[in-house]
Protein backbone atom coordinates (compact mmCIF):
# COMPACT_ATOMS: atom_id res chain seq x y z
CA UNK A 1 -26.42 25.63 11.82
CA UNK A 2 -26.30 22.32 13.68
CA UNK A 3 -26.28 20.46 10.39
CA UNK A 4 -23.53 22.63 8.99
CA UNK A 5 -21.49 22.13 12.15
CA UNK A 6 -21.95 18.36 11.93
CA UNK A 7 -20.92 18.30 8.26
CA UNK A 8 -17.88 20.43 9.04
CA UNK A 9 -16.84 18.17 11.90
CA UNK A 10 -17.38 15.07 9.74
CA UNK A 11 -15.26 16.54 6.94
CA UNK A 12 -12.54 17.57 9.37
CA UNK A 13 -12.57 14.14 11.01
CA UNK A 14 -12.24 12.44 7.62
CA UNK A 15 -9.39 14.73 6.60
CA UNK A 16 -7.56 14.14 9.88
CA UNK A 17 -8.09 10.37 9.58
CA UNK A 18 -6.64 10.49 6.08
CA UNK A 19 -3.64 12.54 7.21
CA UNK A 20 -3.00 10.47 10.36
CA UNK A 21 -0.22 7.89 10.22
CA UNK A 22 -0.40 5.33 13.05
CA UNK A 23 3.36 4.99 13.09
CA UNK A 24 3.83 8.70 13.69
CA UNK A 25 1.14 8.65 16.40
CA UNK A 26 2.87 5.78 18.18
CA UNK A 27 6.23 7.51 18.02
CA UNK A 28 4.69 10.69 19.41
CA UNK A 29 3.08 8.77 22.29
CA UNK A 30 6.35 7.05 23.04
CA UNK A 31 8.12 10.39 23.07
CA UNK A 32 5.58 11.77 25.52
CA UNK A 33 6.06 8.76 27.80
CA UNK A 34 9.82 9.29 27.71
CA UNK A 35 9.31 12.92 28.72
CA UNK A 36 7.08 11.84 31.60
CA UNK A 37 9.66 9.28 32.71
CA UNK A 38 12.32 11.96 32.56
CA UNK A 39 10.20 14.22 34.79
CA UNK A 40 9.71 11.43 37.31
CA UNK A 41 13.43 10.74 37.39
CA UNK A 42 14.10 14.45 37.83
CA UNK A 43 11.65 14.46 40.74
CA UNK A 44 13.44 11.51 42.33
CA UNK A 45 16.75 13.34 41.94
CA UNK A 46 15.31 16.50 43.52
CA UNK A 47 13.90 14.57 46.51
CA UNK A 48 17.20 12.76 46.93
CA UNK A 49 19.04 16.06 46.84
CA UNK A 50 16.75 17.50 49.54
CA UNK A 51 17.25 14.37 51.63
CA UNK A 52 20.99 14.67 51.30
CA UNK A 53 20.88 18.30 52.32
CA UNK A 54 18.90 17.40 55.45
CA UNK A 55 21.40 14.73 56.27
CA UNK A 56 24.22 17.30 56.07
CA UNK A 57 22.28 19.64 58.37
CA UNK A 58 21.64 16.81 60.80
CA UNK A 59 25.29 15.97 60.89
CA UNK A 60 26.18 19.60 61.61
CA UNK A 61 23.57 19.90 64.37
CA UNK A 62 24.65 16.64 65.92
CA UNK A 63 28.26 17.86 65.89
CA UNK A 64 27.25 21.10 67.59
CA UNK A 65 25.17 19.17 70.14
CA UNK A 66 28.12 16.96 70.97
CA UNK A 67 30.35 20.02 71.23
CA UNK A 68 27.94 21.78 73.64
CA UNK A 69 27.71 18.63 75.73
CA UNK A 70 31.49 18.54 76.02
CA UNK A 71 31.57 22.26 76.92
CA UNK A 72 28.98 21.67 79.68
CA UNK A 73 31.07 18.86 81.14
CA UNK A 74 34.20 21.04 81.14
CA UNK A 75 32.28 23.94 82.74
CA UNK A 76 31.08 21.66 85.53
CA UNK A 77 34.56 20.34 85.96
CA UNK A 78 35.84 23.89 86.39
CA UNK A 79 33.06 24.78 88.80
CA UNK A 80 31.20 27.02 86.37
CA UNK A 81 27.67 25.75 86.71
CA UNK A 82 26.24 28.78 84.96
CA UNK A 83 28.27 28.00 81.83
CA UNK A 84 27.28 24.37 82.02
CA UNK A 85 23.60 25.36 82.24
CA UNK A 86 23.94 27.68 79.21
CA UNK A 87 25.65 24.94 77.19
CA UNK A 88 22.93 22.45 78.05
CA UNK A 89 20.21 24.98 77.13
CA UNK A 90 21.75 25.49 73.72
CA UNK A 91 22.11 21.77 73.32
CA UNK A 92 18.43 21.28 74.09
CA UNK A 93 17.46 23.82 71.36
CA UNK A 94 19.69 22.09 68.87
CA UNK A 95 18.22 18.76 69.82
CA UNK A 96 14.75 20.06 68.96
CA UNK A 97 16.00 21.07 65.51
CA UNK A 98 17.60 17.68 65.09
CA UNK A 99 14.29 16.03 65.91
CA UNK A 100 12.42 18.16 63.33
CA UNK A 101 15.05 17.48 60.68
CA UNK A 102 14.91 13.77 61.35
CA UNK A 103 11.14 13.84 60.83
CA UNK A 104 11.56 15.70 57.53
CA UNK A 105 14.33 13.33 56.55
CA UNK A 106 12.09 10.32 57.14
CA UNK A 107 9.28 11.93 55.09
CA UNK A 108 11.62 12.76 52.23
CA UNK A 109 13.06 9.26 52.31
CA UNK A 110 9.58 7.77 52.03
CA UNK A 111 8.74 10.07 49.11
CA UNK A 112 11.99 9.16 47.45
CA UNK A 113 11.21 5.46 47.76
CA UNK A 114 7.72 6.01 46.30
CA UNK A 115 9.05 8.03 43.37
CA UNK A 116 11.74 5.48 42.75
CA UNK A 117 9.22 2.68 42.64
CA UNK A 118 6.96 4.74 40.34
CA UNK A 119 9.90 5.45 38.02
CA UNK A 120 10.73 1.77 37.83
CA UNK A 121 7.14 0.86 37.00
CA UNK A 122 6.92 3.62 34.45
CA UNK A 123 10.20 2.47 32.92
CA UNK A 124 8.80 -1.06 32.57
CA UNK A 125 5.63 0.31 30.94
CA UNK A 126 7.67 2.44 28.57
CA UNK A 127 9.82 -0.51 27.59
CA UNK A 128 6.74 -2.68 26.99
CA UNK A 129 5.12 0.10 24.95
CA UNK A 130 8.26 0.50 22.89
CA UNK A 131 8.26 -3.23 22.06
CA UNK A 132 4.55 -3.16 21.21
CA UNK A 133 5.04 0.06 19.21
CA UNK A 134 7.74 -1.45 17.05
CA UNK A 135 5.65 -4.59 16.50
CA UNK A 136 2.60 -2.54 15.44
CA UNK A 137 4.72 -0.38 13.17
CA UNK A 138 6.29 -3.41 11.49
CA UNK A 139 2.86 -5.03 11.05
CA UNK A 140 1.37 -1.83 9.67
CA UNK A 141 4.27 -1.36 7.25
CA UNK A 142 3.99 -4.94 6.01
CA UNK A 143 0.19 -4.61 5.61
CA UNK A 144 0.63 -1.32 3.75
CA UNK A 145 3.20 -2.84 1.40
CA UNK A 146 1.02 -5.87 0.80
CA UNK A 147 -1.96 -3.64 0.05
CA UNK A 148 0.05 -1.56 -2.41
CA UNK A 149 1.34 -4.68 -4.16
CA UNK A 150 -2.21 -6.08 -4.37
CA UNK A 151 -3.53 -2.81 -5.74
CA UNK A 152 -0.70 -2.69 -8.28
CA UNK A 153 -1.45 -6.23 -9.44
CA UNK A 154 -5.17 -5.61 -9.63
CA UNK A 155 -4.73 -2.21 -11.29
CA UNK A 156 -6.83 -0.27 -8.74
CA UNK A 157 -3.99 1.81 -7.34
CA UNK A 158 -3.71 5.46 -8.28
CA UNK A 159 -0.43 5.03 -10.13
CA UNK A 160 -1.52 1.94 -12.04
CA UNK A 161 -4.92 3.51 -12.66
CA UNK A 162 -3.21 6.48 -14.32
CA UNK A 163 -1.11 4.06 -16.41
CA UNK A 164 -4.21 2.12 -17.42
CA UNK A 165 -6.00 5.31 -18.43
CA UNK A 166 -2.96 6.41 -20.46
CA UNK A 167 -2.87 3.04 -22.26
CA UNK A 168 -6.61 3.25 -22.93
CA UNK A 169 -6.26 6.77 -24.36
CA UNK A 170 -3.35 5.65 -26.53
CA UNK A 171 -5.36 2.70 -27.86
CA UNK A 172 -8.37 4.93 -28.58
CA UNK A 173 -6.22 7.47 -30.43
CA UNK A 174 -4.54 4.69 -32.38
CA UNK A 175 -7.88 3.18 -33.39
CA UNK A 176 -9.13 6.64 -34.34
CA UNK A 177 -6.08 7.33 -36.50
CA UNK A 178 -6.37 3.93 -38.14
CA UNK A 179 -10.04 4.54 -38.93
CA UNK A 180 -9.21 7.99 -40.32
CA UNK A 181 -6.40 6.61 -42.46
CA UNK A 182 -8.70 3.91 -43.83
CA UNK A 183 -11.40 6.44 -44.59
CA UNK A 184 -8.93 8.70 -46.39
CA UNK A 185 -7.66 5.76 -48.46
CA UNK A 186 -11.22 4.88 -49.44
CA UNK A 187 -11.96 8.50 -50.38
CA UNK A 188 -8.77 8.72 -52.42
CA UNK A 189 -9.54 5.45 -54.19
CA UNK A 190 -13.10 6.59 -54.99
CA UNK A 191 -11.89 9.96 -56.26
CA UNK A 192 -13.78 11.95 -53.66
CA UNK A 193 -10.46 13.42 -52.48
CA UNK A 194 -7.54 14.56 -54.61
CA UNK A 195 -4.06 13.30 -53.91
CA UNK A 196 -1.88 16.41 -53.82
CA UNK A 197 1.27 14.34 -54.27
CA UNK A 198 0.41 13.63 -57.92
CA UNK A 199 0.72 9.90 -57.52
CA UNK A 200 -3.02 9.14 -57.52
CA UNK A 201 -4.83 7.38 -60.33
CA UNK A 202 -7.63 9.10 -62.19
CA UNK A 203 -11.18 7.87 -62.14
CA UNK A 204 -10.97 6.25 -65.57
CA UNK A 205 -8.00 4.14 -64.57
CA UNK A 206 -9.73 3.22 -61.33
CA UNK A 207 -12.83 2.07 -63.23
CA UNK A 208 -10.69 0.09 -65.66
CA UNK A 209 -8.91 -1.59 -62.77
CA UNK A 210 -12.24 -2.44 -61.26
CA UNK A 211 -13.54 -3.90 -64.51
CA UNK A 212 -10.34 -5.85 -65.07
CA UNK A 213 -10.63 -7.23 -61.55
CA UNK A 214 -14.18 -8.33 -62.35
CA UNK A 215 -13.05 -9.83 -65.67
CA UNK A 216 -10.44 -11.89 -63.91
CA UNK A 217 -13.11 -13.24 -61.60
CA UNK A 218 -15.35 -14.10 -64.56
CA UNK A 219 -12.49 -15.85 -66.38
CA UNK A 220 -11.71 -17.89 -63.31
CA UNK A 221 -15.40 -18.81 -62.96
CA UNK A 222 -15.57 -19.93 -66.63
CA UNK A 223 -12.46 -22.03 -66.22
CA UNK A 224 -13.92 -23.79 -63.17
CA UNK A 225 -17.17 -24.43 -65.09
CA UNK A 226 -15.24 -25.92 -67.97
CA UNK A 227 -13.32 -28.23 -65.67
CA UNK A 228 -16.54 -29.37 -64.07
CA UNK A 229 -18.18 -29.90 -67.46
CA UNK A 230 -15.20 -31.86 -68.78
CA UNK A 231 -15.23 -34.14 -65.77
CA UNK A 232 -19.00 -34.82 -66.20
CA UNK A 233 -18.74 -35.66 -69.96
CA UNK A 234 -15.87 -38.10 -69.51
CA UNK A 235 -17.80 -39.90 -66.74
CA UNK A 236 -20.91 -40.18 -68.97
CA UNK A 237 -18.85 -41.63 -71.87
CA UNK A 238 -17.42 -44.36 -69.66
CA UNK A 239 -20.91 -45.16 -68.43
CA UNK A 240 -22.16 -45.58 -72.01
CA UNK A 241 -19.24 -47.80 -72.99
CA UNK A 242 -19.84 -50.05 -70.01
CA UNK A 243 -23.55 -50.34 -70.92
CA UNK A 244 -22.84 -51.36 -74.57
CA UNK A 245 -20.54 -54.21 -73.47
CA UNK A 246 -23.26 -55.66 -71.32
CA UNK A 247 -25.97 -55.58 -74.05
CA UNK A 248 -24.01 -57.46 -76.79
CA UNK A 249 -25.27 -60.91 -75.80
CA UNK A 250 -28.83 -59.59 -75.97
CA UNK A 251 -28.23 -58.46 -79.60
CA UNK A 252 -27.29 -62.02 -80.76
CA UNK A 253 -30.59 -63.53 -79.59
CA UNK A 254 -32.59 -62.59 -82.71
CA UNK A 255 -30.29 -64.75 -84.91
CA UNK A 256 -31.76 -67.97 -83.41
CA UNK A 257 -35.36 -67.01 -84.30
CA UNK A 258 -36.66 -69.13 -87.32
CA UNK A 259 -37.65 -67.52 -90.54
CA UNK A 260 -40.87 -68.37 -92.36
CA UNK A 261 -41.01 -68.25 -96.14
CA UNK A 262 -43.98 -66.87 -97.78
CA UNK A 263 -46.11 -69.44 -99.37
């Protein structure tokens, strides 16, 4: 089972690797980074909205505190100390709320600054990744095109391999048809097959043609022998004539020999 599981995982990994396109993977990663950046920006906007809402509440509380302070002064001026004390009590409660809101406002402002800085850094990383992504995609596309051109020139690509196999099959079929045509011609000439068109020669005529072809060869051979023999005889005659001209002085020598009469 472990071996089967390993084989299955290896096959699946190979299939996924074959189906994976680096350009698509880079585009998908870039899209995810953009989504993350969008979430960070949305978080910054939410924090800023909360901070603004606190600022509005602070402004309202501060306005009410100022109003209560004015009312306390007026009550004291009119001799109503009880009203002045009530106004100051309410103002003290509002002041506590203002203090709490200011603390929350400071916290939100700090979070907003952190998120803003993080968004800026993430934006810089996304921009750098986009530049690198486009560079890698262009390099990969160029390498892929160069590989396809090289495979096409060398004939190892799938398309060119199919073309080469088609050409090879066509050449094999052509050679087979030529061999079959030649064999049929030989069989027709030898009379082993009958020509149904009625234009074939019979076996007697074929034998006569063969004998006449041999006779022509013999006649040409006899003619060449005669030419060679004629050239040899004329050369021998000239050699004899040259030899007789040189021996004539030798034939006159016996005339100078003395004769002796019989006694």
